[in-house]
Amino acid sequence: MSEVELTIVTMQFDASDPDALQSVLAKYTVLTRMEPACRNIDLCASVTSPGRFVIVQKWDSPAAQQAHFDSDVMVDMATAGRGLLAHPPAIDLLESISAHDLK
C-alpha cells in the first residue's frame, strides 16, 4: 500500500452571530465536500467555547488545498461571513503524523 500525501487545514471561527455563521459554514462545508481533491471536511462546534466553530479539511495535495483557497467556494464563504465574526479566523496548515483518511 502506498503512502497517501495529505494536506490538512484547520480554520477556527469565533462568532459574533453564531446562528448566522453556522449557516454560512455549513453551506461551505457541503460545497467543499463536492470538490474531487477534498478527501474529508468536518464542521465542529466547541462545547467549551460557545460560538466557536472549527473546520478540519484534508486535501489530496498542497496544490489542491491552495486551489481551493483561491476558489469561488472559499471567496463566497468569506464574503458571507463578513460581520459575523468576533475577529479574523485562525487558519493553520498541518502536517499529518497519524490521520485516518476516509477515501
N, C-alpha and C. Protein backbone atom coordinates (compact mmCIF):
# COMPACT_ATOMS: atom_id res chain seq x y z
N MET A 1 0.85 -1.18 0.00
CA MET A 1 0.00 0.00 0.00
C MET A 1 0.89 1.24 0.00
N SER A 2 0.64 2.17 -0.90
CA SER A 2 1.46 3.37 -0.98
C SER A 2 1.00 4.41 0.04
N GLU A 3 1.94 5.25 0.42
CA GLU A 3 1.62 6.33 1.35
C GLU A 3 0.76 7.38 0.65
N VAL A 4 -0.20 7.90 1.36
CA VAL A 4 -1.06 8.96 0.84
C VAL A 4 -0.56 10.28 1.41
N GLU A 5 -0.33 11.25 0.53
CA GLU A 5 0.06 12.57 0.99
C GLU A 5 -1.21 13.34 1.34
N LEU A 6 -1.32 13.76 2.57
CA LEU A 6 -2.47 14.55 3.00
C LEU A 6 -2.02 15.95 3.36
N THR A 7 -2.79 16.91 2.94
CA THR A 7 -2.61 18.28 3.39
C THR A 7 -3.81 18.59 4.27
N ILE A 8 -3.54 18.98 5.51
CA ILE A 8 -4.61 19.20 6.48
C ILE A 8 -4.63 20.67 6.87
N VAL A 9 -5.83 21.23 6.89
CA VAL A 9 -6.02 22.63 7.26
C VAL A 9 -7.08 22.69 8.35
N THR A 10 -6.83 23.53 9.35
CA THR A 10 -7.87 23.84 10.33
C THR A 10 -8.20 25.32 10.24
N MET A 11 -9.46 25.62 10.41
CA MET A 11 -9.92 27.01 10.45
C MET A 11 -10.79 27.16 11.68
N GLN A 12 -10.45 28.11 12.54
CA GLN A 12 -11.21 28.35 13.77
C GLN A 12 -11.89 29.70 13.67
N PHE A 13 -13.20 29.70 13.89
CA PHE A 13 -14.01 30.90 13.79
C PHE A 13 -14.69 31.18 15.13
N ASP A 14 -14.54 32.39 15.65
CA ASP A 14 -15.28 32.81 16.84
C ASP A 14 -16.36 33.78 16.38
N ALA A 15 -17.60 33.39 16.58
CA ALA A 15 -18.74 34.11 16.01
C ALA A 15 -19.23 35.25 16.88
N SER A 16 -19.61 36.34 16.22
CA SER A 16 -20.38 37.38 16.90
C SER A 16 -21.87 37.11 16.71
N ASP A 17 -22.22 36.32 15.69
CA ASP A 17 -23.59 35.88 15.43
C ASP A 17 -23.54 34.38 15.12
N PRO A 18 -23.54 33.54 16.17
CA PRO A 18 -23.33 32.09 15.97
C PRO A 18 -24.32 31.42 15.01
N ASP A 19 -25.59 31.74 15.10
CA ASP A 19 -26.57 31.07 14.24
C ASP A 19 -26.32 31.39 12.77
N ALA A 20 -26.07 32.65 12.48
CA ALA A 20 -25.83 33.05 11.09
C ALA A 20 -24.52 32.46 10.58
N LEU A 21 -23.48 32.48 11.40
CA LEU A 21 -22.20 31.93 10.97
C LEU A 21 -22.29 30.42 10.76
N GLN A 22 -22.99 29.73 11.63
CA GLN A 22 -23.13 28.28 11.46
C GLN A 22 -23.77 27.96 10.12
N SER A 23 -24.75 28.73 9.71
CA SER A 23 -25.40 28.52 8.42
C SER A 23 -24.41 28.71 7.27
N VAL A 24 -23.61 29.76 7.34
CA VAL A 24 -22.60 30.04 6.30
C VAL A 24 -21.59 28.89 6.23
N LEU A 25 -21.09 28.47 7.39
CA LEU A 25 -20.07 27.43 7.42
C LEU A 25 -20.62 26.07 7.01
N ALA A 26 -21.88 25.79 7.34
CA ALA A 26 -22.50 24.53 6.92
C ALA A 26 -22.60 24.45 5.40
N LYS A 27 -23.01 25.54 4.77
CA LYS A 27 -23.10 25.58 3.30
C LYS A 27 -21.71 25.39 2.70
N TYR A 28 -20.72 26.09 3.23
CA TYR A 28 -19.34 25.97 2.76
C TYR A 28 -18.85 24.52 2.87
N THR A 29 -19.15 23.88 3.98
CA THR A 29 -18.70 22.50 4.21
C THR A 29 -19.31 21.55 3.18
N VAL A 30 -20.59 21.68 2.92
CA VAL A 30 -21.26 20.82 1.94
C VAL A 30 -20.68 21.04 0.55
N LEU A 31 -20.49 22.29 0.15
CA LEU A 31 -19.94 22.58 -1.18
C LEU A 31 -18.50 22.09 -1.31
N THR A 32 -17.73 22.23 -0.25
CA THR A 32 -16.33 21.79 -0.29
C THR A 32 -16.24 20.27 -0.42
N ARG A 33 -17.14 19.55 0.21
CA ARG A 33 -17.14 18.07 0.11
C ARG A 33 -17.30 17.61 -1.34
N MET A 34 -17.88 18.43 -2.18
CA MET A 34 -18.11 18.07 -3.58
C MET A 34 -16.85 18.20 -4.44
N GLU A 35 -15.82 18.85 -3.93
CA GLU A 35 -14.60 19.03 -4.70
C GLU A 35 -13.83 17.71 -4.77
N PRO A 36 -13.42 17.29 -5.97
CA PRO A 36 -12.76 15.99 -6.13
C PRO A 36 -11.51 15.81 -5.27
N ALA A 37 -10.75 16.85 -5.04
CA ALA A 37 -9.50 16.74 -4.28
C ALA A 37 -9.70 16.83 -2.77
N CYS A 38 -10.94 17.09 -2.34
CA CYS A 38 -11.23 17.13 -0.90
C CYS A 38 -11.42 15.70 -0.41
N ARG A 39 -10.54 15.27 0.46
CA ARG A 39 -10.63 13.91 1.00
C ARG A 39 -11.62 13.84 2.15
N ASN A 40 -11.73 14.94 2.91
CA ASN A 40 -12.67 14.98 4.03
C ASN A 40 -12.74 16.42 4.54
N ILE A 41 -13.90 16.80 5.06
CA ILE A 41 -14.05 18.09 5.73
C ILE A 41 -15.12 17.91 6.81
N ASP A 42 -14.82 18.43 7.98
CA ASP A 42 -15.76 18.36 9.10
C ASP A 42 -15.96 19.75 9.68
N LEU A 43 -17.19 20.06 10.03
CA LEU A 43 -17.54 21.29 10.74
C LEU A 43 -17.90 20.89 12.16
N CYS A 44 -17.23 21.51 13.13
CA CYS A 44 -17.43 21.18 14.54
C CYS A 44 -17.75 22.44 15.32
N ALA A 45 -18.56 22.29 16.37
CA ALA A 45 -18.86 23.39 17.29
C ALA A 45 -18.22 23.08 18.63
N SER A 46 -17.58 24.08 19.22
CA SER A 46 -16.92 23.89 20.50
C SER A 46 -17.94 23.73 21.62
N VAL A 47 -17.68 22.78 22.50
CA VAL A 47 -18.50 22.58 23.69
C VAL A 47 -18.03 23.52 24.80
N THR A 48 -16.75 23.81 24.83
CA THR A 48 -16.17 24.62 25.91
C THR A 48 -16.12 26.11 25.62
N SER A 49 -16.23 26.48 24.34
CA SER A 49 -16.22 27.89 23.95
C SER A 49 -17.42 28.16 23.06
N PRO A 50 -18.57 28.50 23.63
CA PRO A 50 -19.77 28.75 22.83
C PRO A 50 -19.51 29.79 21.74
N GLY A 51 -20.05 29.51 20.56
CA GLY A 51 -19.88 30.42 19.44
C GLY A 51 -18.60 30.18 18.65
N ARG A 52 -17.83 29.16 19.03
CA ARG A 52 -16.60 28.83 18.29
C ARG A 52 -16.88 27.63 17.40
N PHE A 53 -16.48 27.77 16.15
CA PHE A 53 -16.60 26.69 15.16
C PHE A 53 -15.22 26.38 14.62
N VAL A 54 -14.97 25.10 14.36
CA VAL A 54 -13.71 24.67 13.79
C VAL A 54 -14.01 23.79 12.58
N ILE A 55 -13.33 24.08 11.49
CA ILE A 55 -13.42 23.25 10.29
C ILE A 55 -12.07 22.55 10.12
N VAL A 56 -12.12 21.24 9.90
CA VAL A 56 -10.92 20.45 9.64
C VAL A 56 -11.05 19.89 8.22
N GLN A 57 -10.06 20.19 7.39
CA GLN A 57 -10.08 19.76 5.99
C GLN A 57 -8.89 18.86 5.70
N LYS A 58 -9.09 17.88 4.82
CA LYS A 58 -8.00 17.05 4.31
C LYS A 58 -8.04 17.11 2.79
N TRP A 59 -6.88 17.39 2.21
CA TRP A 59 -6.75 17.55 0.76
C TRP A 59 -5.75 16.56 0.19
N ASP A 60 -5.91 16.25 -1.10
CA ASP A 60 -5.00 15.34 -1.79
C ASP A 60 -3.56 15.85 -1.81
N SER A 61 -3.39 17.16 -1.88
CA SER A 61 -2.05 17.72 -2.04
C SER A 61 -2.05 19.19 -1.63
N PRO A 62 -0.87 19.76 -1.42
CA PRO A 62 -0.80 21.20 -1.14
C PRO A 62 -1.38 22.03 -2.29
N ALA A 63 -1.15 21.60 -3.52
CA ALA A 63 -1.68 22.35 -4.67
C ALA A 63 -3.21 22.35 -4.67
N ALA A 64 -3.81 21.22 -4.33
CA ALA A 64 -5.28 21.14 -4.27
C ALA A 64 -5.82 22.05 -3.18
N GLN A 65 -5.16 22.06 -2.05
CA GLN A 65 -5.59 22.93 -0.94
C GLN A 65 -5.49 24.39 -1.34
N GLN A 66 -4.39 24.77 -1.97
CA GLN A 66 -4.21 26.16 -2.39
C GLN A 66 -5.24 26.56 -3.44
N ALA A 67 -5.50 25.66 -4.37
CA ALA A 67 -6.52 25.94 -5.40
C ALA A 67 -7.88 26.16 -4.75
N HIS A 68 -8.19 25.38 -3.72
CA HIS A 68 -9.46 25.57 -3.03
C HIS A 68 -9.52 26.93 -2.34
N PHE A 69 -8.43 27.33 -1.69
CA PHE A 69 -8.42 28.63 -1.01
C PHE A 69 -8.58 29.78 -1.99
N ASP A 70 -8.24 29.57 -3.26
CA ASP A 70 -8.42 30.59 -4.29
C ASP A 70 -9.75 30.45 -5.02
N SER A 71 -10.58 29.48 -4.63
CA SER A 71 -11.81 29.16 -5.36
C SER A 71 -12.98 30.07 -4.99
N ASP A 72 -14.00 30.04 -5.84
CA ASP A 72 -15.22 30.79 -5.58
C ASP A 72 -15.91 30.31 -4.30
N VAL A 73 -15.84 29.02 -3.99
CA VAL A 73 -16.47 28.49 -2.78
C VAL A 73 -15.88 29.17 -1.54
N MET A 74 -14.57 29.29 -1.51
CA MET A 74 -13.89 29.92 -0.37
C MET A 74 -14.20 31.42 -0.32
N VAL A 75 -14.14 32.08 -1.46
CA VAL A 75 -14.41 33.52 -1.52
C VAL A 75 -15.85 33.80 -1.11
N ASP A 76 -16.78 32.99 -1.58
CA ASP A 76 -18.19 33.18 -1.21
C ASP A 76 -18.40 33.00 0.29
N MET A 77 -17.73 32.02 0.90
CA MET A 77 -17.84 31.82 2.35
C MET A 77 -17.29 33.03 3.09
N ALA A 78 -16.14 33.52 2.66
CA ALA A 78 -15.53 34.68 3.32
C ALA A 78 -16.43 35.91 3.20
N THR A 79 -17.01 36.10 2.04
CA THR A 79 -17.90 37.24 1.82
C THR A 79 -19.16 37.12 2.68
N ALA A 80 -19.76 35.94 2.72
CA ALA A 80 -20.98 35.73 3.51
C ALA A 80 -20.72 35.84 5.00
N GLY A 81 -19.48 35.61 5.43
CA GLY A 81 -19.15 35.67 6.85
C GLY A 81 -18.81 37.06 7.37
N ARG A 82 -18.77 38.04 6.48
CA ARG A 82 -18.47 39.41 6.93
C ARG A 82 -19.49 39.87 7.96
N GLY A 83 -18.98 40.42 9.06
CA GLY A 83 -19.84 40.94 10.11
C GLY A 83 -20.34 39.87 11.07
N LEU A 84 -19.96 38.61 10.86
CA LEU A 84 -20.43 37.52 11.71
C LEU A 84 -19.35 37.00 12.66
N LEU A 85 -18.14 37.55 12.55
CA LEU A 85 -17.01 37.07 13.34
C LEU A 85 -16.61 38.07 14.42
N ALA A 86 -16.16 37.55 15.56
CA ALA A 86 -15.64 38.41 16.63
C ALA A 86 -14.26 38.95 16.26
N HIS A 87 -13.51 38.20 15.44
CA HIS A 87 -12.18 38.60 14.96
C HIS A 87 -11.84 37.68 13.78
N PRO A 88 -10.77 37.99 13.05
CA PRO A 88 -10.42 37.13 11.90
C PRO A 88 -10.21 35.68 12.34
N PRO A 89 -10.51 34.74 11.44
CA PRO A 89 -10.34 33.33 11.78
C PRO A 89 -8.87 32.96 11.93
N ALA A 90 -8.62 31.93 12.72
CA ALA A 90 -7.27 31.37 12.85
C ALA A 90 -7.18 30.20 11.88
N ILE A 91 -6.25 30.27 10.95
CA ILE A 91 -6.09 29.24 9.93
C ILE A 91 -4.71 28.61 10.11
N ASP A 92 -4.67 27.28 10.11
CA ASP A 92 -3.41 26.58 10.32
C ASP A 92 -3.27 25.46 9.29
N LEU A 93 -2.06 25.29 8.78
CA LEU A 93 -1.72 24.21 7.86
C LEU A 93 -0.94 23.18 8.66
N LEU A 94 -1.41 21.93 8.64
CA LEU A 94 -0.83 20.89 9.48
C LEU A 94 -0.18 19.79 8.65
N GLU A 95 0.86 19.21 9.21
CA GLU A 95 1.50 18.03 8.62
C GLU A 95 0.93 16.81 9.33
N SER A 96 0.52 15.84 8.56
CA SER A 96 -0.07 14.63 9.13
C SER A 96 0.99 13.73 9.75
N ILE A 97 0.79 13.38 11.00
CA ILE A 97 1.64 12.39 11.67
C ILE A 97 0.88 11.06 11.71
N SER A 98 -0.37 11.12 12.12
CA SER A 98 -1.24 9.95 12.12
C SER A 98 -2.65 10.46 11.87
N ALA A 99 -3.17 10.22 10.66
CA ALA A 99 -4.50 10.72 10.31
C ALA A 99 -5.26 9.62 9.57
N HIS A 100 -6.51 9.45 9.90
CA HIS A 100 -7.38 8.48 9.22
C HIS A 100 -7.95 9.15 7.99
N ASP A 101 -7.88 8.49 6.88
CA ASP A 101 -8.37 9.03 5.62
C ASP A 101 -9.60 8.24 5.20
N LEU A 102 -10.69 8.94 4.89
CA LEU A 102 -11.94 8.28 4.54
C LEU A 102 -11.99 7.77 3.11
N LYS A 103 -11.10 8.25 2.25
CA LYS A 103 -11.12 7.80 0.85
C LYS A 103 -10.20 6.63 0.64
